[in-house]
Amino acid sequence: MTISKDLSGRNAIVTGGASGLGRAIANRLAASGANVTIVDLEETQKTTPKEYNFFGCDLSQTNAKEQLVTLADDLGSVDLLIANAGVVPPWRGLREVDGDEWMHVMAINTWGIAASIGACANKLSISDHASIVVMASINGFTAHASQVLYTASKHAVIGITRAAALDLGPMGIRVNALAPGPILTDALIARVTQRHADGGPKLEDAINNLKAETALKKLATDTDVANAAHYLASDASGGMTGSVLPIEAGLR
């Protein structure tokens, strides 16, 4: 399949882009002509392709915004921001929540996104194609047992997206979010495998159960998420802001 170079010449920042969905999105934007800078933890640089710029930053830290302002200034212009960095904590009920874990996850999943948007806003405001894509989750508008921390963080992410769309709309900056359901990534496999070790269903059974809950009887893929991110980043979605786009194969 030939991919259109509709993002040629545009500077894109992808947070959490060293692996997982972030890497898939970075690859998709690069294939469409974007100049990609990956923001991730310093130790992930060795696994990041050399054709991408890399900026080491721990988005859970209070000075993350100042660091990203420096990155944006060094780039000179920012057209696209994919605020993807996040973490999925172990499943715990409210009786087992841990304060340190709660603060750490919230710092990454909420402050990290707000800091990324705030740091890049001035540079995005001078772009003719400014678009921010935030990584939310279906857990941002539903809930499951033993997922209170992750659910709370992703509800907040959708709130940040909608507030940012209102704040930045007058500057010509669009802000939308993706809400993936279960995506068959290495991270999902690792979580299901761990739950099996703790007494849950076997990996194959768990994956088949998830597939059975979707309209398409399959799980969405990282390619599906990357294609949706490309759509929201591109001019094809020029009339959209403040929207949350589910990518979950029709999960019921």
Protein backbone atom coordinates (compact mmCIF):
# COMPACT_ATOMS: atom_id res chain seq x y z
CA MET A 1 0.00 0.00 0.00
CA THR A 2 1.32 3.43 -0.96
CA ILE A 3 0.97 5.95 1.87
CA SER A 4 0.28 9.57 0.97
CA LYS A 5 2.92 12.05 2.11
CA ASP A 6 0.23 14.43 3.37
CA LEU A 7 2.27 15.37 6.45
CA SER A 8 5.42 16.31 4.57
CA GLY A 9 7.39 19.08 6.22
CA ARG A 10 5.43 18.99 9.46
CA ASN A 11 7.21 18.61 12.79
CA ALA A 12 5.63 16.02 15.05
CA ILE A 13 6.38 15.28 18.69
CA VAL A 14 5.30 11.85 19.97
CA THR A 15 5.55 11.35 23.73
CA GLY A 16 6.06 7.78 24.87
CA GLY A 17 7.09 7.02 21.30
CA ALA A 18 9.90 4.58 22.01
CA SER A 19 7.62 1.54 22.14
CA GLY A 20 4.06 0.24 21.95
CA LEU A 21 1.32 2.38 20.49
CA GLY A 22 3.57 5.43 20.55
CA ARG A 23 6.10 3.74 18.29
CA ALA A 24 3.35 2.58 15.92
CA ILE A 25 2.03 6.14 15.70
CA ALA A 26 5.51 7.59 15.19
CA ASN A 27 6.09 5.13 12.34
CA ARG A 28 2.76 6.02 10.73
CA LEU A 29 3.38 9.76 10.87
CA ALA A 30 6.92 9.34 9.53
CA ALA A 31 5.63 7.23 6.66
CA SER A 32 3.33 10.15 5.81
CA GLY A 33 6.27 12.54 5.64
CA ALA A 34 6.36 14.05 9.13
CA ASN A 35 9.62 14.87 10.88
CA VAL A 36 9.24 12.91 14.12
CA THR A 37 10.76 13.66 17.51
CA ILE A 38 10.21 10.99 20.15
CA VAL A 39 10.01 12.03 23.79
CA ASP A 40 10.58 9.20 26.23
CA LEU A 41 12.68 8.14 29.20
CA GLU A 42 16.40 8.57 28.62
CA GLU A 43 17.13 4.84 28.77
CA THR A 44 14.85 4.14 25.80
CA GLN A 45 17.03 6.07 23.36
CA LYS A 46 19.05 2.96 22.54
CA THR A 47 15.92 1.25 21.17
CA THR A 48 14.71 4.27 19.19
CA PRO A 49 15.33 4.23 15.42
CA LYS A 50 18.14 6.56 14.38
CA GLU A 51 15.96 8.30 11.80
CA TYR A 52 13.93 9.90 14.59
CA ASN A 53 15.01 12.78 16.78
CA PHE A 54 15.02 11.79 20.45
CA PHE A 55 14.49 13.88 23.57
CA GLY A 56 14.88 12.25 26.97
CA CYS A 57 12.33 13.43 29.50
CA ASP A 58 10.49 11.94 32.48
CA LEU A 59 7.00 13.39 32.09
CA SER A 60 6.08 12.53 35.67
CA GLN A 61 8.44 15.24 36.97
CA THR A 62 7.28 18.73 37.84
CA ASN A 63 9.88 20.31 35.54
CA ALA A 64 8.72 18.33 32.49
CA LYS A 65 6.91 21.32 31.02
CA GLU A 66 10.03 23.49 31.16
CA GLN A 67 12.07 20.74 29.50
CA LEU A 68 9.54 20.40 26.69
CA VAL A 69 9.45 24.17 26.15
CA THR A 70 13.20 23.91 25.48
CA LEU A 71 12.56 21.09 22.99
CA ALA A 72 9.89 23.09 21.17
CA ASP A 73 12.16 26.12 21.00
CA ASP A 74 15.01 24.00 19.63
CA LEU A 75 12.76 22.52 16.94
CA GLY A 76 11.67 26.01 15.91
CA SER A 77 8.18 24.86 14.94
CA VAL A 78 5.71 22.24 16.08
CA ASP A 79 2.76 21.20 13.93
CA LEU A 80 1.67 17.96 15.57
CA LEU A 81 1.74 16.74 19.15
CA ILE A 82 0.83 13.18 20.00
CA ALA A 83 0.44 13.15 23.80
CA ASN A 84 0.66 9.40 24.12
CA ALA A 85 2.89 8.72 27.14
CA GLY A 86 1.11 6.82 29.88
CA VAL A 87 1.29 3.86 32.20
CA VAL A 88 -1.14 1.06 33.07
CA PRO A 89 -0.86 0.13 36.76
CA PRO A 90 -1.63 -3.31 38.18
CA TRP A 91 -5.32 -3.97 38.74
CA ARG A 92 -6.29 -3.11 42.32
CA GLY A 93 -9.58 -2.49 44.09
CA LEU A 94 -10.15 0.53 46.29
CA ARG A 95 -9.22 -1.44 49.40
CA GLU A 96 -5.76 -2.13 47.95
CA VAL A 97 -4.88 1.25 46.42
CA ASP A 98 -1.40 2.48 47.19
CA GLY A 99 -0.74 6.18 47.67
CA ASP A 100 2.71 6.28 46.05
CA GLU A 101 1.49 4.30 43.06
CA TRP A 102 -1.57 6.55 42.74
CA MET A 103 0.50 9.73 42.67
CA HIS A 104 3.02 8.28 40.22
CA VAL A 105 0.40 7.06 37.73
CA MET A 106 -1.55 10.31 37.93
CA ALA A 107 1.65 12.29 37.39
CA ILE A 108 2.41 10.45 34.16
CA ASN A 109 -1.12 9.98 32.82
CA THR A 110 -2.48 13.44 33.58
CA TRP A 111 0.30 15.92 34.37
CA GLY A 112 2.42 14.48 31.56
CA ILE A 113 -0.32 15.23 29.04
CA ALA A 114 -1.13 18.67 30.42
CA ALA A 115 2.57 19.57 30.53
CA SER A 116 3.11 18.40 26.94
CA ILE A 117 0.18 20.44 25.64
CA GLY A 118 1.11 23.54 27.61
CA ALA A 119 4.73 23.38 26.54
CA CYS A 120 3.96 23.08 22.83
CA ALA A 121 0.99 25.45 22.62
CA ASN A 122 2.92 28.57 21.62
CA LYS A 123 4.73 26.83 18.77
CA LEU A 124 1.55 25.08 17.63
CA SER A 125 -0.26 28.42 17.53
CA ILE A 126 1.89 29.61 14.63
CA SER A 127 1.32 26.47 12.55
CA ASP A 128 -1.27 26.34 9.78
CA HIS A 129 -1.88 22.65 10.53
CA ALA A 130 -1.80 22.50 14.32
CA SER A 131 -3.22 19.31 15.77
CA ILE A 132 -2.90 17.60 19.14
CA VAL A 133 -3.86 13.95 19.56
CA VAL A 134 -4.19 12.71 23.13
CA MET A 135 -4.12 9.05 24.13
CA ALA A 136 -7.17 8.35 26.24
CA SER A 137 -8.88 4.96 26.62
CA ILE A 138 -12.33 3.41 26.65
CA ASN A 139 -11.72 3.46 30.42
CA GLY A 140 -12.17 7.22 30.11
CA PHE A 141 -15.94 6.79 29.79
CA THR A 142 -16.59 3.42 31.38
CA ALA A 143 -15.25 1.50 34.36
CA HIS A 144 -14.28 -2.02 35.38
CA ALA A 145 -13.73 -3.62 38.72
CA SER A 146 -10.21 -3.38 40.17
CA GLN A 147 -9.23 -0.63 37.72
CA VAL A 148 -10.02 2.45 39.77
CA LEU A 149 -6.65 4.18 39.34
CA TYR A 150 -6.36 3.67 35.60
CA THR A 151 -10.03 4.56 35.13
CA ALA A 152 -9.69 7.75 37.16
CA SER A 153 -6.61 8.80 35.19
CA LYS A 154 -8.25 8.23 31.81
CA HIS A 155 -11.46 10.03 32.82
CA ALA A 156 -9.15 12.95 33.64
CA VAL A 157 -7.41 12.64 30.27
CA ILE A 158 -10.71 13.11 28.44
CA GLY A 159 -11.41 16.15 30.61
CA ILE A 160 -8.01 17.59 29.75
CA THR A 161 -8.69 17.01 26.05
CA ARG A 162 -12.02 18.81 26.10
CA ALA A 163 -10.72 21.71 28.19
CA ALA A 164 -7.65 22.08 25.96
CA ALA A 165 -9.85 22.15 22.86
CA LEU A 166 -11.73 25.11 24.32
CA ASP A 167 -8.58 26.86 25.55
CA LEU A 168 -6.59 26.44 22.35
CA GLY A 169 -9.34 26.58 19.72
CA PRO A 170 -9.10 30.37 19.36
CA MET A 171 -5.42 29.87 18.52
CA GLY A 172 -6.31 27.55 15.65
CA ILE A 173 -5.15 24.42 17.49
CA ARG A 174 -7.31 21.30 17.31
CA VAL A 175 -7.28 18.85 20.23
CA ASN A 176 -8.80 15.38 19.94
CA ALA A 177 -8.31 12.07 21.72
CA LEU A 178 -8.13 8.39 20.84
CA ALA A 179 -9.87 5.87 23.08
CA PRO A 180 -8.48 2.42 22.35
CA GLY A 181 -10.04 -0.68 23.78
CA PRO A 182 -7.98 -3.85 24.24
CA ILE A 183 -5.14 -3.76 21.70
CA LEU A 184 -3.05 -6.89 21.25
CA THR A 185 0.29 -5.36 22.15
CA ASP A 186 3.17 -6.87 24.12
CA ALA A 187 2.00 -4.84 27.11
CA LEU A 188 -1.49 -6.38 26.99
CA ILE A 189 -0.06 -9.87 26.66
CA ALA A 190 2.18 -9.24 29.66
CA ARG A 191 -0.73 -8.01 31.78
CA VAL A 192 -2.96 -10.96 30.87
CA THR A 193 -0.09 -13.38 31.51
CA GLN A 194 0.46 -11.85 34.95
CA ARG A 195 -3.24 -12.08 35.77
CA HIS A 196 -3.13 -15.77 34.77
CA ALA A 197 -0.25 -16.26 37.19
CA ASP A 198 -2.45 -14.66 39.87
CA GLY A 199 -5.28 -17.10 39.14
CA GLY A 200 -6.93 -15.58 36.06
CA PRO A 201 -7.72 -17.28 32.75
CA LYS A 202 -5.02 -18.51 30.40
CA LEU A 203 -3.75 -16.05 27.77
CA GLU A 204 -5.49 -17.74 24.83
CA ASP A 205 -8.80 -17.97 26.68
CA ALA A 206 -8.62 -14.36 27.84
CA ILE A 207 -7.89 -13.07 24.34
CA ASN A 208 -10.71 -15.16 22.86
CA ASN A 209 -13.09 -13.80 25.50
CA LEU A 210 -12.13 -10.25 24.58
CA LYS A 211 -12.65 -10.94 20.88
CA ALA A 212 -16.09 -12.40 21.57
CA GLU A 213 -17.14 -9.12 23.21
CA THR A 214 -16.55 -7.09 20.03
CA ALA A 215 -18.83 -6.55 17.05
CA LEU A 216 -16.02 -7.50 14.66
CA LYS A 217 -15.04 -10.58 16.70
CA LYS A 218 -11.44 -9.46 16.73
CA LEU A 219 -9.24 -7.06 18.62
CA ALA A 220 -8.20 -3.74 17.15
CA THR A 221 -4.48 -3.54 16.38
CA ASP A 222 -1.72 -1.02 16.91
CA THR A 223 -1.98 -0.29 13.17
CA ASP A 224 -5.65 0.62 13.63
CA VAL A 225 -4.70 3.03 16.42
CA ALA A 226 -1.84 4.52 14.37
CA ASN A 227 -4.13 5.06 11.37
CA ALA A 228 -6.68 6.82 13.57
CA ALA A 229 -3.94 9.01 15.05
CA HIS A 230 -2.84 9.92 11.54
CA TYR A 231 -6.42 10.87 10.66
CA LEU A 232 -6.76 13.17 13.67
CA ALA A 233 -3.32 14.67 13.00
CA SER A 234 -4.01 15.33 9.33
CA ASP A 235 -6.11 17.95 7.57
CA ALA A 236 -8.68 15.21 6.82
CA SER A 237 -10.10 15.83 10.32
CA GLY A 238 -9.90 19.61 10.02
CA GLY A 239 -13.43 20.15 11.35
CA MET A 240 -12.90 18.10 14.51
CA THR A 241 -11.84 19.26 17.96
CA GLY A 242 -12.76 18.15 21.46
CA SER A 243 -13.72 14.73 20.11
CA VAL A 244 -12.88 11.29 21.50
CA LEU A 245 -12.56 8.57 18.87
CA PRO A 246 -13.02 4.96 20.08
CA ILE A 247 -10.80 2.27 18.52
CA GLU A 248 -12.19 -0.96 19.95
CA ALA A 249 -13.67 -3.11 17.13
CA GLY A 250 -17.16 -2.45 18.43
CA LEU A 251 -16.60 -3.56 22.02
CA ARG A 252 -19.94 -4.10 23.72
